C-alpha atoms as a PDB file:
ATOM      1  CA  MET A   1     -63.694   4.554 -57.829  1.00  0.00           C
ATOM      2  CA  ASP A   2     -60.655   2.859 -59.521  1.00  0.00           C
ATOM      3  CA  SER A   3     -60.100  -1.122 -58.448  1.00  0.00           C
ATOM      4  CA  LEU A   4     -58.129  -2.070 -55.643  1.00  0.00           C
ATOM      5  CA  VAL A   5     -56.458  -4.603 -58.148  1.00  0.00           C
ATOM      6  CA  HIS A   6     -53.509  -3.118 -60.067  1.00  0.00           C
ATOM      7  CA  GLN A   7     -54.391  -3.474 -63.660  1.00  0.00           C
ATOM      8  CA  PRO A   8     -52.876  -7.185 -65.098  1.00  0.00           C
ATOM      9  CA  GLY A   9     -49.503  -7.832 -66.675  1.00  0.00           C
ATOM     10  CA  PHE A  10     -47.816  -7.185 -64.116  1.00  0.00           C
ATOM     11  CA  ALA A  11     -45.241 -10.639 -62.514  1.00  0.00           C
ATOM     12  CA  SER A  12     -46.528 -10.924 -59.279  1.00  0.00           C
ATOM     13  CA  LEU A  13     -43.999 -12.382 -56.547  1.00  0.00           C
ATOM     14  CA  PHE A  14     -47.015 -14.660 -55.578  1.00  0.00           C
ATOM     15  CA  GLY A  15     -47.287 -16.625 -59.460  1.00  0.00           C
ATOM     16  CA  VAL A  16     -47.790 -19.569 -58.303  1.00  0.00           C
ATOM     17  CA  LEU A  17     -51.382 -18.425 -56.455  1.00  0.00           C
ATOM     18  CA  GLY A  18     -52.128 -18.486 -60.579  1.00  0.00           C
ATOM     19  CA  CYS A  19     -54.919 -15.436 -60.286  1.00  0.00           C
ATOM     20  CA  ILE A  20     -55.502 -12.363 -59.709  1.00  0.00           C
ATOM     21  CA  PHE A  21     -58.517 -12.235 -56.868  1.00  0.00           C
ATOM     22  CA  CYS A  22     -60.249  -9.306 -58.004  1.00  0.00           C
ATOM     23  CA  ALA A  23     -63.481  -9.635 -55.898  1.00  0.00           C
ATOM     24  CA  ALA A  24     -64.694  -7.380 -52.469  1.00  0.00           C
ATOM     25  CA  THR A  25     -64.492 -10.703 -50.513  1.00  0.00           C
ATOM     26  CA  VAL A  26     -61.340 -13.651 -51.505  1.00  0.00           C
ATOM     27  CA  SER A  27     -61.761 -16.566 -49.728  1.00  0.00           C
ATOM     28  CA  ALA A  28     -60.494 -20.355 -49.975  1.00  0.00           C
ATOM     29  CA  ALA A  29     -62.961 -22.874 -48.609  1.00  0.00           C
ATOM     30  CA  THR A  30     -60.964 -24.384 -46.656  1.00  0.00           C
ATOM     31  CA  ALA A  31     -58.295 -20.836 -44.979  1.00  0.00           C
ATOM     32  CA  ALA A  32     -58.911 -20.035 -41.514  1.00  0.00           C
ATOM     33  CA  LEU A  33     -58.581 -16.439 -42.813  1.00  0.00           C
ATOM     34  CA  GLU A  34     -59.961 -14.092 -45.819  1.00  0.00           C
ATOM     35  CA  ILE A  35     -59.095 -11.559 -47.606  1.00  0.00           C
ATOM     36  CA  GLY A  36     -61.240  -8.259 -48.598  1.00  0.00           C
ATOM     37  CA  THR A  37     -61.093  -5.060 -50.141  1.00  0.00           C
ATOM     38  CA  ASP A  38     -63.160  -2.061 -49.568  1.00  0.00           C
ATOM     39  CA  ASP A  39     -62.495   1.640 -50.336  1.00  0.00           C
ATOM     40  CA  GLY A  40     -58.063   1.374 -51.355  1.00  0.00           C
ATOM     41  CA  THR A  41     -57.794  -0.615 -48.747  1.00  0.00           C
ATOM     42  CA  LEU A  42     -57.490  -4.836 -48.612  1.00  0.00           C
ATOM     43  CA  SER A  43     -57.693  -6.739 -44.949  1.00  0.00           C
ATOM     44  CA  VAL A  44     -56.911  -9.825 -43.969  1.00  0.00           C
ATOM     45  CA  ARG A  45     -59.833 -11.452 -41.300  1.00  0.00           C
ATOM     46  CA  SER A  46     -59.769 -13.937 -39.097  1.00  0.00           C
ATOM     47  CA  GLY A  47     -63.525 -15.113 -38.409  1.00  0.00           C
ATOM     48  CA  PRO A  48     -64.592 -11.409 -36.847  1.00  0.00           C
ATOM     49  CA  VAL A  49     -61.293  -9.954 -36.002  1.00  0.00           C
ATOM     50  CA  ALA A  50     -59.412  -8.375 -39.471  1.00  0.00           C
ATOM     51  CA  LEU A  51     -56.451  -9.017 -38.093  1.00  0.00           C
ATOM     52  CA  VAL A  52     -54.263  -6.785 -41.070  1.00  0.00           C
ATOM     53  CA  THR A  53     -55.436  -3.810 -43.204  1.00  0.00           C
ATOM     54  CA  TYR A  54     -52.878  -2.768 -45.820  1.00  0.00           C
ATOM     55  CA  GLN A  55     -53.615   0.737 -46.735  1.00  0.00           C
ATOM     56  CA  ALA A  56     -52.797   0.012 -51.096  1.00  0.00           C
ATOM     57  CA  ARG A  57     -53.683   3.301 -52.394  1.00  0.00           C
ATOM     58  CA  PRO A  58     -53.544   6.868 -50.842  1.00  0.00           C
ATOM     59  CA  MET A  59     -55.658   7.323 -48.297  1.00  0.00           C
ATOM     60  CA  THR A  60     -59.370   9.905 -48.214  1.00  0.00           C
ATOM     61  CA  GLY A  61     -59.795  12.003 -45.718  1.00  0.00           C
ATOM     62  CA  PRO A  62     -56.532  11.873 -43.397  1.00  0.00           C
ATOM     63  CA  VAL A  63     -56.212  13.946 -40.302  1.00  0.00           C
ATOM     64  CA  GLY A  64     -54.147  17.323 -41.302  1.00  0.00           C
ATOM     65  CA  GLY A  65     -55.642  17.756 -44.899  1.00  0.00           C
ATOM     66  CA  ALA A  66     -54.750  15.852 -48.213  1.00  0.00           C
ATOM     67  CA  ARG A  67     -51.368  17.187 -47.956  1.00  0.00           C
ATOM     68  CA  PHE A  68     -51.331  13.634 -45.551  1.00  0.00           C
ATOM     69  CA  ARG A  69     -52.665  11.327 -47.944  1.00  0.00           C
ATOM     70  CA  GLY A  70     -50.255   8.460 -47.463  1.00  0.00           C
ATOM     71  CA  SER A  71     -50.173   4.627 -48.578  1.00  0.00           C
ATOM     72  CA  ALA A  72     -48.397   1.786 -48.917  1.00  0.00           C
ATOM     73  CA  PHE A  73     -48.896   1.120 -44.603  1.00  0.00           C
ATOM     74  CA  LEU A  74     -50.102  -1.772 -42.169  1.00  0.00           C
ATOM     75  CA  HIS A  75     -53.062  -0.132 -39.922  1.00  0.00           C
ATOM     76  CA  PRO A  76     -54.515  -0.932 -37.658  1.00  0.00           C
ATOM     77  CA  LEU A  77     -52.860  -4.653 -36.799  1.00  0.00           C
ATOM     78  CA  ARG A  78     -54.763  -6.487 -34.266  1.00  0.00           C
ATOM     79  CA  THR A  79     -54.588  -9.294 -31.849  1.00  0.00           C
ATOM     80  CA  PRO A  80     -56.494 -12.471 -32.418  1.00  0.00           C
ATOM     81  CA  SER A  81     -58.090 -10.671 -29.631  1.00  0.00           C
ATOM     82  CA  GLY A  82     -58.809  -7.680 -31.298  1.00  0.00           C
ATOM     83  CA  PHE A  83     -56.310  -5.436 -29.476  1.00  0.00           C
ATOM     84  CA  VAL A  84     -55.219  -3.022 -31.561  1.00  0.00           C
ATOM     85  CA  VAL A  85     -51.233  -2.786 -31.588  1.00  0.00           C
ATOM     86  CA  THR A  86     -50.639   0.099 -34.524  1.00  0.00           C
ATOM     87  CA  ASP A  87     -51.352   4.294 -33.851  1.00  0.00           C
ATOM     88  CA  LEU A  88     -51.834   6.134 -37.387  1.00  0.00           C
ATOM     89  CA  GLN A  89     -51.517   9.392 -37.237  1.00  0.00           C
ATOM     90  CA  PRO A  90     -51.239  10.339 -34.015  1.00  0.00           C
ATOM     91  CA  GLY A  91     -51.048  14.112 -33.055  1.00  0.00           C
ATOM     92  CA  ASP A  92     -47.419  14.353 -32.416  1.00  0.00           C
ATOM     93  CA  HIS A  93     -46.723  13.443 -35.679  1.00  0.00           C
ATOM     94  CA  LEU A  94     -49.020  13.378 -38.452  1.00  0.00           C
ATOM     95  CA  HIS A  95     -47.149  11.392 -40.784  1.00  0.00           C
ATOM     96  CA  HIS A  96     -46.623   7.866 -38.695  1.00  0.00           C
ATOM     97  CA  PHE A  97     -48.280   4.894 -40.317  1.00  0.00           C
ATOM     98  CA  GLY A  98     -48.541   2.315 -38.418  1.00  0.00           C
ATOM     99  CA  ALA A  99     -45.760   0.171 -39.554  1.00  0.00           C
ATOM    100  CA  TRP A 100     -44.944   1.256 -42.872  1.00  0.00           C
ATOM    101  CA  TRP A 101     -41.205   1.920 -44.581  1.00  0.00           C
ATOM    102  CA  PRO A 102     -40.751   4.891 -45.707  1.00  0.00           C
ATOM    103  CA  TRP A 103     -36.878   6.160 -46.499  1.00  0.00           C
ATOM    104  CA  LYS A 104     -36.260   9.262 -45.138  1.00  0.00           C
ATOM    105  CA  TYR A 105     -34.386  11.126 -48.171  1.00  0.00           C
ATOM    106  CA  LEU A 106     -33.087  10.127 -51.662  1.00  0.00           C
ATOM    107  CA  ALA A 107     -30.468  11.370 -54.223  1.00  0.00           C
ATOM    108  CA  VAL A 108     -30.074  11.777 -57.272  1.00  0.00           C
ATOM    109  CA  GLY A 109     -28.820  14.005 -59.673  1.00  0.00           C
ATOM    110  CA  GLY A 110     -27.357  17.294 -57.462  1.00  0.00           C
ATOM    111  CA  ARG A 111     -31.419  16.923 -55.075  1.00  0.00           C
ATOM    112  CA  ARG A 112     -31.858  15.701 -52.167  1.00  0.00           C
ATOM    113  CA  VAL A 113     -35.450  14.581 -52.196  1.00  0.00           C
ATOM    114  CA  LEU A 114     -37.573  14.632 -48.519  1.00  0.00           C
ATOM    115  CA  PHE A 115     -39.927  11.227 -48.705  1.00  0.00           C
ATOM    116  CA  TRP A 116     -40.356  10.273 -44.649  1.00  0.00           C
ATOM    117  CA  GLU A 117     -42.812  13.825 -44.336  1.00  0.00           C
ATOM    118  CA  LEU A 118     -44.577  13.812 -46.846  1.00  0.00           C
ATOM    119  CA  GLN A 119     -46.321  16.840 -45.797  1.00  0.00           C
ATOM    120  CA  ARG A 120     -43.862  18.804 -47.332  1.00  0.00           C
ATOM    121  CA  GLY A 121     -44.528  18.242 -50.268  1.00  0.00           C
ATOM    122  CA  GLU A 122     -41.057  17.335 -51.335  1.00  0.00           C
ATOM    123  CA  GLY A 123     -41.643  13.355 -52.109  1.00  0.00           C
ATOM    124  CA  ILE A 124     -43.795  11.143 -51.306  1.00  0.00           C
ATOM    125  CA  ILE A 125     -44.379   7.065 -51.607  1.00  0.00           C
ATOM    126  CA  VAL A 126     -47.991   6.705 -54.451  1.00  0.00           C
ATOM    127  CA  GLY A 127     -49.592   2.826 -53.784  1.00  0.00           C
ATOM    128  CA  GLU A 128     -50.298   2.105 -56.875  1.00  0.00           C
ATOM    129  CA  GLY A 129     -52.753  -1.406 -55.762  1.00  0.00           C
ATOM    130  CA  VAL A 130     -52.894  -4.649 -55.169  1.00  0.00           C
ATOM    131  CA  THR A 131     -51.708  -7.401 -58.283  1.00  0.00           C
ATOM    132  CA  ALA A 132     -52.360 -10.408 -56.600  1.00  0.00           C
ATOM    133  CA  SER A 133     -54.213 -11.852 -53.578  1.00  0.00           C
ATOM    134  CA  GLY A 134     -55.202 -14.802 -52.100  1.00  0.00           C
ATOM    135  CA  ALA A 135     -55.511 -17.215 -48.976  1.00  0.00           C
ATOM    136  CA  ASP A 136     -55.264 -21.181 -48.438  1.00  0.00           C
ATOM    137  CA  GLU A 137     -54.855 -23.574 -45.901  1.00  0.00           C
ATOM    138  CA  THR A 138     -51.478 -21.962 -45.354  1.00  0.00           C
ATOM    139  CA  GLY A 139     -52.187 -18.387 -45.196  1.00  0.00           C
ATOM    140  CA  ALA A 140     -52.776 -15.538 -46.399  1.00  0.00           C
ATOM    141  CA  ARG A 141     -50.506 -13.222 -48.876  1.00  0.00           C
ATOM    142  CA  PHE A 142     -51.304 -10.134 -51.284  1.00  0.00           C
ATOM    143  CA  THR A 143     -48.433  -9.203 -53.647  1.00  0.00           C
ATOM    144  CA  ALA A 144     -48.871  -4.670 -54.008  1.00  0.00           C
ATOM    145  CA  ARG A 145     -46.804  -1.964 -55.898  1.00  0.00           C
ATOM    146  CA  ASN A 146     -45.695   1.454 -54.625  1.00  0.00           C
ATOM    147  CA  VAL A 147     -43.747   4.006 -56.759  1.00  0.00           C
ATOM    148  CA  TYR A 148     -41.246   6.629 -54.592  1.00  0.00           C
ATOM    149  CA  LEU A 149     -42.712   9.833 -57.156  1.00  0.00           C
ATOM    150  CA  ASP A 150     -40.345  12.669 -56.869  1.00  0.00           C
ATOM    151  CA  ARG A 151     -42.788  16.617 -56.698  1.00  0.00           C
ATOM    152  CA  THR A 152     -39.622  18.788 -55.958  1.00  0.00           C
ATOM    153  CA  VAL A 153     -38.685  18.626 -60.362  1.00  0.00           C
ATOM    154  CA  GLU A 154     -40.162  20.709 -62.857  1.00  0.00           C
ATOM    155  CA  GLY A 155     -43.856  19.665 -64.574  1.00  0.00           C
ATOM    156  CA  ALA A 156     -45.065  15.993 -63.573  1.00  0.00           C
ATOM    157  CA  PRO A 157     -43.679  14.084 -60.728  1.00  0.00           C
ATOM    158  CA  LEU A 158     -40.569  11.716 -60.957  1.00  0.00           C
ATOM    159  CA  LYS A 159     -40.953   8.332 -60.669  1.00  0.00           C
ATOM    160  CA  LEU A 160     -37.866   7.199 -58.245  1.00  0.00           C
ATOM    161  CA  LEU A 161     -38.140   4.173 -57.216  1.00  0.00           C
ATOM    162  CA  ASP A 162     -40.877   1.407 -57.891  1.00  0.00           C
ATOM    163  CA  GLU A 163     -41.613  -1.091 -55.037  1.00  0.00           C
ATOM    164  CA  THR A 164     -43.487  -4.293 -54.675  1.00  0.00           C
ATOM    165  CA  VAL A 165     -43.751  -6.207 -51.423  1.00  0.00           C
ATOM    166  CA  GLY A 166     -45.087  -9.220 -51.040  1.00  0.00           C
ATOM    167  CA  ILE A 167     -47.040 -10.060 -47.600  1.00  0.00           C
ATOM    168  CA  ARG A 168     -47.755 -13.128 -46.049  1.00  0.00           C
ATOM    169  CA  VAL A 169     -49.908 -13.727 -43.131  1.00  0.00           C
ATOM    170  CA  SER A 170     -50.214 -16.882 -41.428  1.00  0.00           C
ATOM    171  CA  PRO A 171     -52.656 -18.710 -39.554  1.00  0.00           C
ATOM    172  CA  VAL A 172     -53.798 -17.405 -35.656  1.00  0.00           C
ATOM    173  CA  THR A 173     -51.335 -20.101 -33.696  1.00  0.00           C
ATOM    174  CA  ASN A 174     -50.921 -20.616 -30.008  1.00  0.00           C
ATOM    175  CA  THR A 175     -47.332 -21.051 -29.720  1.00  0.00           C
ATOM    176  CA  PRO A 176     -45.078 -19.666 -28.089  1.00  0.00           C
ATOM    177  CA  ALA A 177     -48.653 -17.273 -27.574  1.00  0.00           C
ATOM    178  CA  ARG A 178     -51.920 -17.309 -29.382  1.00  0.00           C
ATOM    179  CA  GLY A 179     -50.801 -14.708 -32.188  1.00  0.00           C
ATOM    180  CA  TYR A 180     -49.565 -14.701 -36.128  1.00  0.00           C
ATOM    181  CA  THR A 181     -46.781 -13.503 -37.919  1.00  0.00           C
ATOM    182  CA  ILE A 182     -46.754 -11.075 -40.436  1.00  0.00           C
ATOM    183  CA  ASP A 183     -43.650 -11.563 -43.843  1.00  0.00           C
ATOM    184  CA  LEU A 184     -43.088  -8.986 -45.444  1.00  0.00           C
ATOM    185  CA  ARG A 185     -40.420  -8.850 -49.185  1.00  0.00           C
ATOM    186  CA  ILE A 186     -40.001  -5.225 -49.660  1.00  0.00           C
ATOM    187  CA  THR A 187     -38.078  -4.883 -53.293  1.00  0.00           C
ATOM    188  CA  HIS A 188     -36.761  -1.427 -54.689  1.00  0.00           C
ATOM    189  CA  ARG A 189     -35.178  -0.954 -57.528  1.00  0.00           C
ATOM    190  CA  CYS A 190     -34.105   2.859 -59.620  1.00  0.00           C
ATOM    191  CA  ALA A 191     -36.792   3.957 -62.130  1.00  0.00           C
ATOM    192  CA  VAL A 192     -34.398   6.335 -63.536  1.00  0.00           C
ATOM    193  CA  ASN A 193     -31.045   5.610 -65.375  1.00  0.00           C
ATOM    194  CA  GLU A 194     -28.984   6.970 -62.992  1.00  0.00           C
ATOM    195  CA  PRO A 195     -27.936   5.892 -58.728  1.00  0.00           C
ATOM    196  CA  ILE A 196     -29.818   6.620 -56.510  1.00  0.00           C
ATOM    197  CA  GLN A 197     -28.261   7.384 -53.101  1.00  0.00           C
ATOM    198  CA  ILE A 198     -30.673   6.091 -49.868  1.00  0.00           C
ATOM    199  CA  VAL A 199     -28.830   9.247 -47.660  1.00  0.00           C
ATOM    200  CA  LYS A 200     -27.735   8.206 -43.890  1.00  0.00           C
ATOM    201  CA  TYR A 201     -30.134   9.945 -41.744  1.00  0.00           C
ATOM    202  CA  ARG A 202     -30.688   9.138 -37.758  1.00  0.00           C
ATOM    203  CA  TYR A 203     -33.764   6.923 -38.943  1.00  0.00           C
ATOM    204  CA  SER A 204     -34.885   5.878 -42.539  1.00  0.00           C
ATOM    205  CA  GLY A 205     -36.312   2.830 -43.269  1.00  0.00           C
ATOM    206  CA  PHE A 206     -38.671   0.036 -41.392  1.00  0.00           C
ATOM    207  CA  GLY A 207     -40.410   2.400 -39.106  1.00  0.00           C
ATOM    208  CA  PHE A 208     -43.345   1.036 -36.400  1.00  0.00           C
ATOM    209  CA  ARG A 209     -45.361   3.235 -34.528  1.00  0.00           C
ATOM    210  CA  GLY A 210     -47.115   1.504 -31.462  1.00  0.00           C
ATOM    211  CA  THR A 211     -50.564   2.239 -30.250  1.00  0.00           C
ATOM    212  CA  ALA A 212     -51.151   5.080 -28.024  1.00  0.00           C
ATOM    213  CA  ALA A 213     -52.517   1.928 -24.930  1.00  0.00           C
ATOM    214  CA  TRP A 214     -49.214   1.699 -24.163  1.00  0.00           C
ATOM    215  CA  SER A 215     -47.095   4.354 -22.622  1.00  0.00           C
ATOM    216  CA  SER A 216     -44.060   4.071 -20.204  1.00  0.00           C
ATOM    217  CA  THR A 217     -45.900   3.017 -17.104  1.00  0.00           C
ATOM    218  CA  ASN A 218     -48.095  -0.240 -18.591  1.00  0.00           C
ATOM    219  CA  SER A 219     -45.152  -1.298 -21.342  1.00  0.00           C
ATOM    220  CA  THR A 220     -41.775  -2.742 -21.785  1.00  0.00           C
ATOM    221  CA  LEU A 221     -39.087  -2.504 -24.950  1.00  0.00           C
ATOM    222  CA  LEU A 222     -36.528  -4.948 -25.302  1.00  0.00           C
ATOM    223  CA  THR A 223     -34.180  -5.304 -28.003  1.00  0.00           C
ATOM    224  CA  SER A 224     -31.817  -9.466 -28.918  1.00  0.00           C
ATOM    225  CA  GLU A 225     -29.102  -7.330 -27.143  1.00  0.00           C
ATOM    226  CA  GLY A 226     -31.137  -7.100 -24.082  1.00  0.00           C
ATOM    227  CA  ARG A 227     -31.442  -3.335 -24.405  1.00  0.00           C
ATOM    228  CA  ASN A 228     -34.652  -1.090 -23.462  1.00  0.00           C
ATOM    229  CA  ARG A 229     -36.524   1.847 -23.457  1.00  0.00           C
ATOM    230  CA  GLU A 230     -33.798   3.776 -22.030  1.00  0.00           C
ATOM    231  CA  ASP A 231     -30.441   2.607 -23.890  1.00  0.00           C
ATOM    232  CA  SER A 232     -31.540   1.198 -27.202  1.00  0.00           C
ATOM    233  CA  ASN A 233     -31.448   3.912 -29.712  1.00  0.00           C
ATOM    234  CA  GLY A 234     -28.692   4.183 -31.940  1.00  0.00           C
ATOM    235  CA  SER A 235     -27.773   0.179 -30.896  1.00  0.00           C
ATOM    236  CA  ARG A 236     -28.126  -3.034 -33.250  1.00  0.00           C
ATOM    237  CA  GLY A 237     -30.839  -5.007 -32.697  1.00  0.00           C
ATOM    238  CA  ARG A 238     -31.871  -8.520 -34.834  1.00  0.00           C
ATOM    239  CA  TRP A 239     -35.369  -8.191 -33.197  1.00  0.00           C
ATOM    240  CA  VAL A 240     -37.789  -5.517 -30.840  1.00  0.00           C
ATOM    241  CA  ARG A 241     -40.194  -6.855 -28.157  1.00  0.00           C
ATOM    242  CA  LEU A 242     -43.248  -4.058 -27.963  1.00  0.00           C
ATOM    243  CA  GLN A 243     -45.253  -5.897 -25.029  1.00  0.00           C
ATOM    244  CA  GLY A 244     -47.844  -3.916 -23.129  1.00  0.00           C
ATOM    245  CA  LYS A 245     -51.131  -4.175 -20.902  1.00  0.00           C
ATOM    246  CA  ALA A 246     -54.602  -4.195 -23.142  1.00  0.00           C
ATOM    247  CA  GLY A 247     -57.006  -4.424 -20.786  1.00  0.00           C
ATOM    248  CA  ALA A 248     -56.960  -4.670 -16.687  1.00  0.00           C
ATOM    249  CA  GLU A 249     -56.028  -7.848 -16.134  1.00  0.00           C
ATOM    250  CA  THR A 250     -54.620  -8.997 -20.030  1.00  0.00           C
ATOM    251  CA  SER A 251     -51.269  -8.042 -22.416  1.00  0.00           C
ATOM    252  CA  ALA A 252     -50.451  -7.951 -26.060  1.00  0.00           C
ATOM    253  CA  GLY A 253     -47.693  -7.463 -27.801  1.00  0.00           C
ATOM    254  CA  VAL A 254     -45.394  -7.708 -30.865  1.00  0.00           C
ATOM    255  CA  LEU A 255     -42.034  -9.019 -32.515  1.00  0.00           C
ATOM    256  CA  LEU A 256     -40.417  -6.705 -34.660  1.00  0.00           C
ATOM    257  CA  MET A 257     -38.024  -8.520 -36.665  1.00  0.00           C
ATOM    258  CA  SER A 258     -35.179  -8.107 -39.190  1.00  0.00           C
ATOM    259  CA  ASP A 259     -33.464 -10.272 -41.468  1.00  0.00           C
ATOM    260  CA  ALA A 260     -30.284 -11.520 -41.250  1.00  0.00           C
ATOM    261  CA  ALA A 261     -29.027 -10.669 -45.131  1.00  0.00           C
ATOM    262  CA  ASN A 262     -30.990  -7.006 -44.603  1.00  0.00           C
ATOM    263  CA  HIS A 263     -28.329  -4.662 -45.397  1.00  0.00           C
ATOM    264  CA  GLU A 264     -26.111  -3.200 -42.971  1.00  0.00           C
ATOM    265  CA  HIS A 265     -27.521  -6.420 -40.068  1.00  0.00           C
ATOM    266  CA  PRO A 266     -28.458  -5.979 -37.482  1.00  0.00           C
ATOM    267  CA  GLU A 267     -29.388  -2.777 -38.512  1.00  0.00           C
ATOM    268  CA  PHE A 268     -29.290   0.061 -36.555  1.00  0.00           C
ATOM    269  CA  LEU A 269     -32.085   1.193 -34.163  1.00  0.00           C
ATOM    270  CA  ARG A 270     -33.801   4.857 -33.668  1.00  0.00           C
ATOM    271  CA  THR A 271     -36.330   4.566 -31.104  1.00  0.00           C
ATOM    272  CA  TRP A 272     -37.916   6.560 -28.088  1.00  0.00           C
ATOM    273  CA  ASN A 273     -36.713   6.479 -24.890  1.00  0.00           C
ATOM    274  CA  SER A 274     -39.681   7.106 -21.658  1.00  0.00           C
ATOM    275  CA  LYS A 275     -38.988  10.708 -21.367  1.00  0.00           C
ATOM    276  CA  MET A 276     -40.249  11.546 -26.115  1.00  0.00           C
ATOM    277  CA  HIS A 277     -43.889  11.198 -26.468  1.00  0.00           C
ATOM    278  CA  ALA A 278     -45.287   9.655 -22.711  1.00  0.00           C
ATOM    279  CA  GLY A 279     -43.199   7.064 -24.022  1.00  0.00           C
ATOM    280  CA  ALA A 280     -45.037   6.137 -26.895  1.00  0.00           C
ATOM    281  CA  PHE A 281     -43.056   3.650 -28.731  1.00  0.00           C
ATOM    282  CA  PHE A 282     -41.393   4.073 -31.976  1.00  0.00           C
ATOM    283  CA  VAL A 283     -39.379   1.569 -33.660  1.00  0.00           C
ATOM    284  CA  ASN A 284     -36.954   2.241 -37.034  1.00  0.00           C
ATOM    285  CA  PHE A 285     -34.555  -0.383 -38.383  1.00  0.00           C
ATOM    286  CA  ASN A 286     -32.629   2.006 -39.871  1.00  0.00           C
ATOM    287  CA  PRO A 287     -30.112   0.700 -42.608  1.00  0.00           C
ATOM    288  CA  VAL A 288     -28.241   4.073 -43.038  1.00  0.00           C
ATOM    289  CA  GLN A 289     -27.978   5.836 -39.716  1.00  0.00           C
ATOM    290  CA  ARG A 290     -24.096   5.041 -40.050  1.00  0.00           C
ATOM    291  CA  GLU A 291     -23.489   5.095 -43.925  1.00  0.00           C
ATOM    292  CA  ALA A 292     -26.101   5.585 -47.313  1.00  0.00           C
ATOM    293  CA  TRP A 293     -26.378   3.192 -49.098  1.00  0.00           C
ATOM    294  CA  THR A 294     -26.477   3.222 -52.964  1.00  0.00           C
ATOM    295  CA  PHE A 295     -28.928   1.642 -55.216  1.00  0.00           C
ATOM    296  CA  GLU A 296     -27.461   0.706 -58.666  1.00  0.00           C
ATOM    297  CA  PRO A 297     -29.795   1.060 -62.159  1.00  0.00           C
ATOM    298  CA  GLY A 298     -30.623  -2.093 -63.209  1.00  0.00           C
ATOM    299  CA  ARG A 299     -30.522  -4.329 -59.876  1.00  0.00           C
ATOM    300  CA  ASP A 300     -33.589  -5.458 -57.450  1.00  0.00           C
ATOM    301  CA  TYR A 301     -32.523  -4.857 -53.862  1.00  0.00           C
ATOM    302  CA  ILE A 302     -34.407  -6.150 -51.008  1.00  0.00           C
ATOM    303  CA  ARG A 303     -34.877  -6.159 -47.479  1.00  0.00           C
ATOM    304  CA  ARG A 304     -37.404  -8.667 -45.199  1.00  0.00           C
ATOM    305  CA  TYR A 305     -38.936  -8.471 -41.897  1.00  0.00           C
ATOM    306  CA  ARG A 306     -41.034 -10.523 -39.973  1.00  0.00           C
ATOM    307  CA  LEU A 307     -44.084  -9.786 -37.031  1.00  0.00           C
ATOM    308  CA  PHE A 308     -45.230 -11.701 -34.869  1.00  0.00           C
ATOM    309  CA  VAL A 309     -48.864  -9.958 -33.567  1.00  0.00           C
ATOM    310  CA  TYR A 310     -50.044 -11.680 -30.275  1.00  0.00           C
ATOM    311  CA  ASP A 311     -52.288 -11.976 -27.090  1.00  0.00           C
ATOM    312  CA  GLY A 312     -50.512 -12.437 -23.731  1.00  0.00           C
ATOM    313  CA  GLU A 313     -46.827 -12.312 -23.314  1.00  0.00           C
ATOM    314  CA  ILE A 314     -43.520 -14.139 -24.572  1.00  0.00           C
ATOM    315  CA  SER A 315     -40.036 -14.155 -22.463  1.00  0.00           C
ATOM    316  CA  ALA A 316     -36.669 -12.992 -24.151  1.00  0.00           C
ATOM    317  CA  GLU A 317     -35.866 -16.337 -25.196  1.00  0.00           C
ATOM    318  CA  GLN A 318     -39.222 -17.336 -26.996  1.00  0.00           C
ATOM    319  CA  ALA A 319     -38.357 -13.745 -28.656  1.00  0.00           C
ATOM    320  CA  GLU A 320     -34.781 -15.338 -29.744  1.00  0.00           C
ATOM    321  CA  ALA A 321     -36.264 -18.639 -30.740  1.00  0.00           C
ATOM    322  CA  GLN A 322     -38.992 -17.009 -33.033  1.00  0.00           C
ATOM    323  CA  TRP A 323     -36.072 -15.066 -34.414  1.00  0.00           C
ATOM    324  CA  ALA A 324     -34.006 -18.221 -34.868  1.00  0.00           C
ATOM    325  CA  ALA A 325     -36.806 -20.274 -36.555  1.00  0.00           C
ATOM    326  CA  TRP A 326     -38.115 -18.038 -39.254  1.00  0.00           C
ATOM    327  CA  GLN A 327     -34.033 -17.950 -40.073  1.00  0.00           C
ATOM    328  CA  THR A 328     -33.777 -21.520 -40.173  1.00  0.00           C
ATOM    329  CA  GLY A 329     -37.444 -22.359 -41.898  1.00  0.00           C
ATOM    330  CA  ASP A 330     -39.563 -20.511 -44.524  1.00  0.00           C
ATOM    331  CA  ARG A 331     -37.876 -17.197 -44.841  1.00  0.00           C
ATOM    332  CA  LYS A 332     -37.058 -17.408 -48.331  1.00  0.00           C
ATOM    333  CA  GLU A 333     -40.876 -19.002 -49.430  1.00  0.00           C
ATOM    334  CA  MET A 334     -41.723 -15.681 -50.871  1.00  0.00           C
ATOM    335  CA  ASP A 335     -39.588 -15.229 -53.736  1.00  0.00           C
END
């Protein structure tokens, strides 16, 4: 089996960590969180609960066969109590992978290549592993490398985009509810010496598929602009709160936040209403819903997102305060 940790020589976003942790389990002596690796995944644990699991290399044995060997996604995401808020390969969309961030189409050299529905055999995002990781009293962090491969060309697949993802997980807090944050810094750079267009489409970019335990009868969606399941699709939003039952007398939720510096902020939203797929949650922050976006060679294109995963409930005012605190606080510490 290939090592989860990528070969040395890549400049990590987290060079301050001072080393690359290659052991099966990595833990700082004073840290509340621990990092472990297993079968192509990296997990961040708090005590007995694996809060965050990242698929660093292509899946083995996915539902639907080898054409669904996705990678570069987060699942499962658990609340501190262990409730899972994401879904993986639901029956209605086997190409949905928890929290994931593929572009729908890339256009280059007269070709338009589909990456979202990887099962079509055109484009695929391949995780190449983790390049650095570590944990201390401030939380856990890791960096991963991924590539966008065009399989429509003759011969070997052609690499179109290089992707670097920096992820930081905070220790569990009790404010405004018992939960923790996940920060993502997604960087793209052209791997070919010509512009690449991120094609305009109704869904593309950062996506989230909510747990199958939530439906229109036991959960709610609220955006920063006060919209809900029925009227949020096609609107703009800085954050989206998903909240629902986690048991007979308990609740849980996830607050999805988009950074003010992201392209086309506030980003357009693709959401499903209560009549679609029994009220399942699908949320997409999409900067190309109205206009295409062109990446020029030699430049880095960066997007940032934060998730707050929690037990219990938070109000709209608390959700807004979470987004504002992120913007005025440690948003750029991952640079």
